[in-house]
Amino acid sequence: MKYTDEEYQQQMKCLLSQFNKKQKRLYVAFEANCIGLGGGQILSQITGLSPMTISRGRKELKALLLENSIVSVRNSRVGRPLAKVKQPALLDTLEQLLTNEVAGDPMTEQKWIRSSLKKLSIQLKERNLFASPALVGRLLKEMGFSLRANFKKKNGVRTNYPERDEQFKYIALQRQIFSSKGFPVISVDTKKKELIGDLKKEGKAWCRKSEEVYEHDFRSLATCKAVPYGIYDVTRNEGFVYVGTSNDTPEFAVEAIGNWWNDQGYLAYPRANELLILADSGGSNGFRSRAWKYQLQRELCNKYNLKITICHYPVGCSKWNPIESRLFSQISINWAGKPLRTLEMMLGYIRGTSTTKGLTVKSFLLNKLYKKGQKVSGKELQMLSVELHTTCPQWNYSINPVSPTLFEM
């Protein structure tokens, strides 16, 4: 028997000296298994390892062999192909269904959808693609979506709008119509106002040493308050941010849109005589604001001979406005943890925002005083050429250009 050979025992001891404790246990356990009955006792006398250590090694070796056998069986098993492999159009179709369903946090990359998994599964089935609600959920996670938790509201009850779903479908239809004609579709909104100065900025940034800022974020310590108004070209995936230093008013919002059209939009869409604007229901571009409609008529429609269609997202649905997740969230991530000490730094961070999907952003300063509380009289309101749509007329309307001479009379 080779284990009784003195030279073989010396070679075994020499080999064991190169192993760590676990490797010693596994090797001696393997040799003991080769011997069979009484192998543990024989190897214990040769190697000096206790019988309990060799027994432990045998258990570890058995578990290791079992694990390897399971992996080999799994690898050799053919099974059914993955749904997204079997149906190559599944992911692209799902992404198309989500075009008008996506909402996002303007401060982070978190995204969520309006439709349920079951509803998406049914919509896929209508297109001859089969995916269970559970599979749709897994695909959405791969695409970066997440579940949302419930939230509480301190005062009042959230208003229920029965036309909410109808409005979402109508916005999707308008986007499709304008895109098919080659007309521009822009999403607009005012981003969170920022104090400029040595003030703390939420978030973290890679640096050797933390930047020192004021202990308190008092308004009096800031050099000014910046009001960023964003315009996102949905078709071209381009962002434009006009930063004001006074107030967020309809006059400011329309001037920003007018500057975009005059400097950027007209060049990108030289044959377009219509424009679709997607906006929230409140703020400087709210659907109830007379001044918003008046400024659009005077400073955009009449000035550039442009017909404008405005579609507002229902109250409480601003997160579905494309600009929130596609532009504002990326800007917030880009300057996270970096104090906005000057307006030039702020504009620089905005211009430096980009994504792997090709987003480019430009920024401009509108250093002009915009007064609050602009009043539009009933007579001025009657002069507007506003055409209400039959679907959700409170949220959807078009403004036609009229002669500036007739408008001013």
Protein backbone atom coordinates (compact mmCIF):
# COMPACT_ATOMS: atom_id res chain seq x y z
CA MET A 1 0.00 0.00 0.00
CA LYS A 2 1.46 3.33 -1.09
CA TYR A 3 0.35 5.16 2.09
CA THR A 4 2.74 2.97 4.14
CA ASP A 5 5.66 3.95 1.91
CA GLU A 6 7.87 6.38 3.81
CA GLU A 7 8.96 8.24 0.68
CA TYR A 8 5.28 8.79 -0.34
CA GLN A 9 4.48 10.12 3.13
CA GLN A 10 7.35 12.60 2.91
CA GLN A 11 6.10 13.84 -0.47
CA MET A 12 2.59 14.27 0.94
CA LYS A 13 3.87 16.30 3.92
CA CYS A 14 5.96 18.45 1.59
CA LEU A 15 2.89 19.12 -0.60
CA LEU A 16 0.69 19.94 2.42
CA SER A 17 3.21 22.51 3.61
CA GLN A 18 2.32 24.63 0.56
CA PHE A 19 -1.44 24.62 1.30
CA ASN A 20 -3.55 26.79 3.57
CA LYS A 21 -5.76 25.19 6.21
CA LYS A 22 -8.80 24.71 3.99
CA GLN A 23 -6.76 23.30 1.13
CA LYS A 24 -5.12 20.85 3.56
CA ARG A 25 -8.52 19.65 4.79
CA LEU A 26 -9.87 19.15 1.27
CA TYR A 27 -6.77 17.32 -0.01
CA VAL A 28 -6.52 14.98 2.98
CA ALA A 29 -10.29 14.34 2.80
CA PHE A 30 -9.90 13.37 -0.87
CA GLU A 31 -7.08 10.96 -0.03
CA ALA A 32 -9.11 9.52 2.85
CA ASN A 33 -12.04 8.90 0.53
CA CYS A 34 -9.72 7.07 -1.86
CA ILE A 35 -8.63 4.74 0.95
CA GLY A 36 -12.18 4.08 2.05
CA LEU A 37 -12.97 2.59 5.48
CA GLY A 38 -10.42 3.71 8.07
CA GLY A 39 -8.91 6.24 5.69
CA GLY A 40 -9.40 9.13 8.08
CA GLN A 41 -7.47 7.37 10.87
CA ILE A 42 -4.58 6.43 8.53
CA LEU A 43 -4.26 9.97 7.11
CA SER A 44 -4.48 11.44 10.61
CA GLN A 45 -1.36 9.47 11.64
CA ILE A 46 0.51 10.48 8.45
CA THR A 47 -0.38 14.20 8.30
CA GLY A 48 -0.91 15.02 11.96
CA LEU A 49 -4.40 16.42 11.27
CA SER A 50 -7.06 15.40 13.79
CA PRO A 51 -9.84 13.01 12.70
CA MET A 52 -12.38 15.79 13.35
CA THR A 53 -10.52 18.11 10.94
CA ILE A 54 -10.47 15.40 8.26
CA SER A 55 -14.19 14.73 8.84
CA ARG A 56 -14.89 18.43 8.38
CA GLY A 57 -12.87 18.38 5.19
CA ARG A 58 -14.95 15.48 3.90
CA LYS A 59 -18.17 17.45 4.46
CA GLU A 60 -16.74 20.51 2.69
CA LEU A 61 -15.55 18.35 -0.21
CA LYS A 62 -18.97 16.74 -0.54
CA ALA A 63 -20.72 20.13 -0.60
CA LEU A 64 -18.25 21.45 -3.17
CA LEU A 65 -18.78 18.46 -5.47
CA LEU A 66 -22.56 18.75 -5.10
CA GLU A 67 -22.49 22.45 -5.98
CA ASN A 68 -20.37 21.81 -9.07
CA SER A 69 -22.67 19.03 -10.22
CA ILE A 70 -25.75 21.33 -9.92
CA VAL A 71 -24.00 24.05 -11.93
CA SER A 72 -23.01 21.58 -14.64
CA VAL A 73 -26.58 20.26 -14.85
CA ARG A 74 -27.92 23.82 -15.16
CA ASN A 75 -25.41 24.66 -17.86
CA SER A 76 -26.22 21.53 -19.82
CA ARG A 77 -29.98 22.07 -19.56
CA VAL A 78 -31.42 23.63 -22.73
CA GLY A 79 -34.78 24.92 -21.43
CA ARG A 80 -36.99 27.51 -23.09
CA PRO A 81 -35.41 30.62 -24.62
CA LEU A 82 -35.88 33.95 -22.84
CA ALA A 83 -38.99 35.87 -23.84
CA LYS A 84 -37.00 38.86 -25.07
CA VAL A 85 -34.87 36.49 -27.21
CA LYS A 86 -37.88 34.64 -28.54
CA GLN A 87 -39.68 37.94 -29.22
CA PRO A 88 -37.02 40.44 -30.42
CA ALA A 89 -39.54 43.25 -30.75
CA LEU A 90 -40.69 42.95 -27.10
CA LEU A 91 -38.36 45.53 -25.52
CA ASP A 92 -38.74 48.09 -28.31
CA THR A 93 -42.53 47.80 -28.25
CA LEU A 94 -42.62 48.11 -24.46
CA GLU A 95 -40.45 51.22 -24.65
CA GLN A 96 -42.83 52.74 -27.22
CA LEU A 97 -45.80 52.05 -24.93
CA LEU A 98 -44.00 53.88 -22.13
CA THR A 99 -43.26 57.00 -24.20
CA ASN A 100 -46.20 58.90 -22.69
CA GLU A 101 -46.44 56.92 -19.45
CA VAL A 102 -43.12 57.83 -17.85
CA ALA A 103 -42.82 60.17 -14.88
CA GLY A 104 -39.65 61.13 -13.08
CA ASP A 105 -38.22 62.95 -10.12
CA PRO A 106 -36.63 66.26 -11.25
CA MET A 107 -33.97 65.91 -8.53
CA THR A 108 -32.91 62.26 -9.08
CA GLU A 109 -32.87 59.57 -11.78
CA GLN A 110 -35.85 57.75 -10.26
CA LYS A 111 -38.57 56.94 -12.81
CA TRP A 112 -41.98 55.32 -12.61
CA ILE A 113 -44.92 54.63 -14.90
CA ARG A 114 -48.64 55.41 -14.79
CA SER A 115 -50.03 52.13 -16.16
CA SER A 116 -50.19 48.88 -14.19
CA LEU A 117 -48.20 45.79 -15.15
CA LYS A 118 -51.43 44.00 -16.10
CA LYS A 119 -52.47 46.83 -18.41
CA LEU A 120 -49.07 46.85 -20.13
CA SER A 121 -49.28 43.06 -20.53
CA ILE A 122 -52.67 43.43 -22.24
CA GLN A 123 -51.38 46.18 -24.53
CA LEU A 124 -48.46 43.96 -25.57
CA LYS A 125 -50.88 41.10 -26.27
CA GLU A 126 -52.88 43.39 -28.56
CA ARG A 127 -49.66 43.76 -30.57
CA ASN A 128 -49.14 39.97 -30.76
CA LEU A 129 -46.41 40.02 -28.11
CA PHE A 130 -46.85 37.88 -25.02
CA ALA A 131 -45.45 38.81 -21.61
CA SER A 132 -47.00 38.11 -18.22
CA PRO A 133 -47.34 40.98 -15.71
CA ALA A 134 -44.44 39.46 -13.72
CA LEU A 135 -42.23 39.44 -16.83
CA VAL A 136 -43.20 43.04 -17.62
CA GLY A 137 -42.12 43.98 -14.09
CA ARG A 138 -38.71 42.35 -14.56
CA LEU A 139 -38.22 44.09 -17.90
CA LEU A 140 -39.13 47.46 -16.36
CA LYS A 141 -36.50 46.96 -13.64
CA GLU A 142 -33.92 46.24 -16.32
CA MET A 143 -34.95 49.51 -18.00
CA GLY A 144 -34.38 51.49 -14.79
CA PHE A 145 -37.92 51.85 -13.44
CA SER A 146 -38.84 51.42 -9.79
CA LEU A 147 -41.91 51.01 -7.61
CA ARG A 148 -43.27 54.10 -5.84
CA ALA A 149 -44.37 54.16 -2.26
CA ASN A 150 -47.57 55.87 -1.12
CA PHE A 151 -47.30 59.42 0.12
CA LYS A 152 -49.27 61.46 2.62
CA LYS A 153 -50.54 65.00 2.22
CA LYS A 154 -50.93 67.13 5.35
CA ASN A 155 -53.83 69.36 4.40
CA GLY A 156 -56.80 68.84 2.14
CA VAL A 157 -57.76 66.02 -0.18
CA ARG A 158 -56.19 65.48 -3.57
CA THR A 159 -58.68 66.62 -6.23
CA ASN A 160 -59.96 63.82 -8.41
CA TYR A 161 -60.08 64.61 -12.13
CA PRO A 162 -62.17 62.05 -14.06
CA GLU A 163 -60.68 63.33 -17.35
CA ARG A 164 -57.11 62.58 -16.25
CA ASP A 165 -56.60 59.44 -18.37
CA GLU A 166 -58.36 61.03 -21.33
CA GLN A 167 -55.94 63.96 -21.16
CA PHE A 168 -52.90 61.67 -21.16
CA LYS A 169 -54.19 59.90 -24.27
CA TYR A 170 -54.90 63.23 -25.96
CA ILE A 171 -51.39 64.51 -25.23
CA ALA A 172 -49.94 61.32 -26.72
CA LEU A 173 -52.10 61.81 -29.83
CA GLN A 174 -51.01 65.45 -30.25
CA ARG A 175 -47.37 64.50 -29.90
CA GLN A 176 -47.79 61.88 -32.59
CA ILE A 177 -49.55 64.29 -34.96
CA PHE A 178 -46.96 67.06 -34.59
CA SER A 179 -44.01 64.67 -34.88
CA SER A 180 -45.42 63.08 -38.04
CA LYS A 181 -45.67 66.54 -39.62
CA GLY A 182 -42.13 67.43 -38.62
CA PHE A 183 -43.35 70.20 -36.30
CA PRO A 184 -41.57 70.93 -33.00
CA VAL A 185 -42.78 69.52 -29.68
CA ILE A 186 -41.34 71.18 -26.58
CA SER A 187 -41.83 70.52 -22.88
CA VAL A 188 -41.53 73.58 -20.62
CA ASP A 189 -41.40 74.26 -16.89
CA THR A 190 -39.62 76.28 -14.24
CA LYS A 191 -37.01 74.34 -12.29
CA LYS A 192 -36.51 74.76 -8.55
CA LYS A 193 -35.24 78.25 -7.76
CA GLU A 194 -31.62 78.36 -6.53
CA LEU A 195 -29.82 80.77 -4.21
CA ILE A 196 -26.49 81.93 -5.64
CA GLY A 197 -23.59 82.24 -3.20
CA ASP A 198 -21.51 80.28 -0.67
CA LEU A 199 -24.49 78.20 0.38
CA LYS A 200 -24.79 74.46 0.88
CA LYS A 201 -25.92 72.37 -2.10
CA GLU A 202 -27.60 69.06 -1.43
CA GLY A 203 -25.83 65.91 -2.58
CA LYS A 204 -22.24 64.65 -2.63
CA ALA A 205 -19.36 65.20 -5.05
CA TRP A 206 -15.94 63.58 -5.42
CA CYS A 207 -13.26 65.93 -4.09
CA ARG A 208 -10.16 65.88 -1.87
CA LYS A 209 -11.63 68.31 0.65
CA SER A 210 -15.17 69.43 1.39
CA GLU A 211 -15.94 72.98 0.33
CA GLU A 212 -16.76 75.41 3.12
CA VAL A 213 -20.08 77.23 2.93
CA TYR A 214 -22.23 79.30 5.27
CA GLU A 215 -23.72 77.53 8.25
CA HIS A 216 -27.25 78.72 7.40
CA ASP A 217 -28.93 79.11 4.02
CA PHE A 218 -30.35 82.57 4.67
CA ARG A 219 -31.66 84.52 1.69
CA SER A 220 -29.71 87.56 2.89
CA LEU A 221 -26.41 85.66 2.44
CA ALA A 222 -27.07 84.98 -1.25
CA THR A 223 -26.00 87.38 -4.00
CA CYS A 224 -29.22 86.69 -5.91
CA LYS A 225 -31.95 84.13 -6.55
CA ALA A 226 -31.77 82.29 -9.87
CA VAL A 227 -34.96 81.22 -11.66
CA PRO A 228 -34.18 78.53 -14.31
CA TYR A 229 -36.86 78.15 -16.98
CA GLY A 230 -36.35 75.03 -19.05
CA ILE A 231 -37.33 74.17 -22.62
CA TYR A 232 -36.86 70.55 -23.70
CA ASP A 233 -37.06 69.63 -27.40
CA VAL A 234 -38.70 66.20 -27.17
CA THR A 235 -37.84 65.18 -30.75
CA ARG A 236 -34.19 66.27 -30.83
CA ASN A 237 -33.39 65.46 -27.18
CA GLU A 238 -32.01 68.97 -26.59
CA GLY A 239 -32.41 71.14 -23.53
CA PHE A 240 -32.35 74.92 -23.21
CA VAL A 241 -32.38 76.68 -19.85
CA TYR A 242 -32.95 80.44 -19.51
CA VAL A 243 -31.91 81.68 -16.09
CA GLY A 244 -33.67 84.77 -14.76
CA THR A 245 -32.75 86.79 -11.68
CA SER A 246 -36.08 88.37 -10.71
CA ASN A 247 -39.50 86.68 -10.74
CA ASP A 248 -41.09 83.64 -12.34
CA THR A 249 -43.83 85.31 -14.36
CA PRO A 250 -45.71 84.54 -17.61
CA GLU A 251 -43.76 87.34 -19.30
CA PHE A 252 -40.48 85.65 -18.30
CA ALA A 253 -41.68 82.21 -19.46
CA VAL A 254 -42.89 83.43 -22.86
CA GLU A 255 -39.75 85.51 -23.44
CA ALA A 256 -37.66 82.40 -22.80
CA ILE A 257 -39.73 80.42 -25.33
CA GLY A 258 -39.53 83.30 -27.80
CA ASN A 259 -35.75 83.47 -27.49
CA TRP A 260 -35.54 79.73 -28.05
CA TRP A 261 -37.66 79.92 -31.20
CA ASN A 262 -35.79 82.92 -32.59
CA ASP A 263 -32.30 81.52 -31.88
CA GLN A 264 -32.75 77.74 -32.00
CA GLY A 265 -36.22 76.49 -32.96
CA TYR A 266 -36.61 78.34 -36.24
CA LEU A 267 -33.26 77.01 -37.48
CA ALA A 268 -34.05 73.43 -36.42
CA TYR A 269 -37.57 73.52 -37.94
CA PRO A 270 -37.39 76.00 -40.86
CA ARG A 271 -40.67 74.79 -42.45
CA ALA A 272 -42.73 74.68 -39.26
CA ASN A 273 -45.60 77.11 -38.80
CA GLU A 274 -47.02 75.33 -35.74
CA LEU A 275 -45.63 74.54 -32.30
CA LEU A 276 -46.84 72.14 -29.58
CA ILE A 277 -46.10 73.12 -25.99
CA LEU A 278 -46.45 70.61 -23.13
CA ALA A 279 -46.77 72.40 -19.79
CA ASP A 280 -47.87 71.89 -16.20
CA SER A 281 -51.20 73.19 -14.93
CA GLY A 282 -49.81 75.80 -12.56
CA GLY A 283 -47.03 78.33 -12.18
CA SER A 284 -46.05 80.93 -14.75
CA ASN A 285 -47.44 78.73 -17.54
CA GLY A 286 -50.65 77.63 -15.77
CA PHE A 287 -53.81 76.92 -17.75
CA ARG A 288 -55.83 79.47 -15.71
CA SER A 289 -53.36 82.32 -16.26
CA ARG A 290 -54.69 85.09 -18.49
CA ALA A 291 -51.25 86.68 -18.69
CA TRP A 292 -49.76 83.41 -20.02
CA LYS A 293 -52.21 83.32 -22.94
CA TYR A 294 -51.86 87.06 -23.54
CA GLN A 295 -48.07 86.90 -23.69
CA LEU A 296 -48.17 83.87 -26.00
CA GLN A 297 -50.49 85.73 -28.38
CA ARG A 298 -48.52 88.94 -28.37
CA GLU A 299 -44.87 87.88 -28.07
CA LEU A 300 -44.91 84.53 -29.84
CA CYS A 301 -47.87 83.97 -32.18
CA ASN A 302 -48.14 87.47 -33.64
CA LYS A 303 -44.43 88.21 -33.58
CA TYR A 304 -43.35 85.05 -35.41
CA ASN A 305 -46.62 84.27 -37.28
CA LEU A 306 -46.76 80.95 -35.45
CA LYS A 307 -49.79 78.88 -34.45
CA ILE A 308 -49.29 77.44 -30.98
CA THR A 309 -51.07 74.47 -29.40
CA ILE A 310 -50.79 74.11 -25.64
CA CYS A 311 -51.53 70.88 -23.77
CA HIS A 312 -51.41 71.03 -19.96
CA TYR A 313 -50.85 68.01 -17.76
CA PRO A 314 -53.62 67.59 -15.17
CA VAL A 315 -53.18 69.01 -11.69
CA GLY A 316 -50.86 66.77 -9.65
CA CYS A 317 -49.35 65.12 -12.75
CA SER A 318 -46.39 67.43 -13.38
CA LYS A 319 -43.92 64.56 -12.97
CA TRP A 320 -45.14 63.14 -16.31
CA ASN A 321 -44.00 66.28 -18.09
CA PRO A 322 -40.95 64.99 -20.09
CA ILE A 323 -38.73 67.89 -19.02
CA GLU A 324 -38.82 66.72 -15.38
CA SER A 325 -37.09 63.36 -15.85
CA ARG A 326 -35.19 63.97 -19.08
CA LEU A 327 -33.64 67.37 -18.36
CA PHE A 328 -34.13 68.70 -14.82
CA SER A 329 -33.11 65.46 -13.08
CA GLN A 330 -29.86 65.32 -15.08
CA ILE A 331 -29.01 68.93 -14.21
CA SER A 332 -29.64 68.26 -10.49
CA ILE A 333 -27.35 65.22 -10.59
CA ASN A 334 -24.63 67.17 -12.42
CA TRP A 335 -24.37 69.92 -9.79
CA ALA A 336 -25.15 67.78 -6.72
CA GLY A 337 -22.92 68.74 -3.80
CA LYS A 338 -21.41 71.72 -5.65
CA PRO A 339 -22.18 75.20 -4.29
CA LEU A 340 -23.51 77.58 -6.95
CA ARG A 341 -21.26 80.49 -6.00
CA THR A 342 -21.91 82.59 -9.13
CA LEU A 343 -24.39 82.70 -11.98
CA GLU A 344 -21.53 81.81 -14.36
CA MET A 345 -20.87 78.61 -12.39
CA MET A 346 -24.56 77.72 -12.51
CA LEU A 347 -24.72 78.27 -16.27
CA GLY A 348 -21.56 76.19 -16.66
CA TYR A 349 -23.00 73.24 -14.73
CA ILE A 350 -26.15 73.39 -16.85
CA ARG A 351 -24.14 73.42 -20.10
CA GLY A 352 -22.03 70.53 -18.84
CA THR A 353 -25.05 68.26 -18.42
CA SER A 354 -25.23 65.30 -20.79
CA THR A 355 -26.42 61.69 -20.88
CA THR A 356 -25.43 58.48 -22.66
CA LYS A 357 -28.56 58.87 -24.80
CA GLY A 358 -27.20 62.04 -26.38
CA LEU A 359 -28.77 64.84 -24.35
CA THR A 360 -27.15 68.24 -24.93
CA VAL A 361 -28.00 71.37 -22.93
CA LYS A 362 -27.48 75.08 -23.54
CA SER A 363 -27.99 77.84 -20.99
CA PHE A 364 -28.57 81.57 -21.22
CA LEU A 365 -28.95 84.46 -18.78
CA LEU A 366 -32.03 86.72 -18.86
CA ASN A 367 -30.91 89.48 -16.49
CA LYS A 368 -34.08 91.56 -16.70
CA LEU A 369 -36.69 92.66 -14.20
CA TYR A 370 -40.02 90.87 -14.59
CA LYS A 371 -42.76 92.40 -12.47
CA LYS A 372 -45.30 90.27 -10.68
CA GLY A 373 -49.06 90.71 -10.87
CA GLN A 374 -49.54 91.57 -14.53
CA LYS A 375 -53.25 92.15 -15.11
CA VAL A 376 -55.12 91.30 -18.32
CA SER A 377 -58.47 93.02 -18.68
CA GLY A 378 -61.59 91.43 -20.11
CA LYS A 379 -61.23 93.60 -23.23
CA GLU A 380 -57.67 92.39 -23.81
CA LEU A 381 -58.80 88.81 -23.25
CA GLN A 382 -61.44 89.14 -25.98
CA MET A 383 -58.73 90.21 -28.42
CA LEU A 384 -57.01 86.84 -28.10
CA SER A 385 -57.48 84.34 -30.91
CA VAL A 386 -57.83 81.31 -28.63
CA GLU A 387 -59.41 78.13 -30.00
CA LEU A 388 -60.49 75.63 -27.33
CA HIS A 389 -60.24 71.95 -28.23
CA THR A 390 -63.26 69.68 -27.87
CA THR A 391 -61.26 67.24 -25.70
CA CYS A 392 -60.63 68.62 -22.20
CA PRO A 393 -60.93 72.26 -23.34
CA GLN A 394 -59.71 73.58 -19.99
CA TRP A 395 -56.30 71.96 -20.66
CA ASN A 396 -56.06 72.00 -24.47
CA TYR A 397 -56.24 75.08 -26.69
CA SER A 398 -54.59 76.65 -29.71
CA ILE A 399 -53.67 80.29 -30.26
CA ASN A 400 -53.69 81.60 -33.83
CA PRO A 401 -51.63 84.56 -34.98
CA VAL A 402 -53.42 87.82 -35.79
CA SER A 403 -52.15 91.04 -37.25
CA PRO A 404 -50.18 92.98 -34.58
CA THR A 405 -51.89 96.17 -35.79
CA LEU A 406 -55.38 94.75 -35.17
CA PHE A 407 -54.28 93.24 -31.87
CA GLU A 408 -53.03 96.56 -30.47
CA MET A 409 -56.19 98.48 -31.48
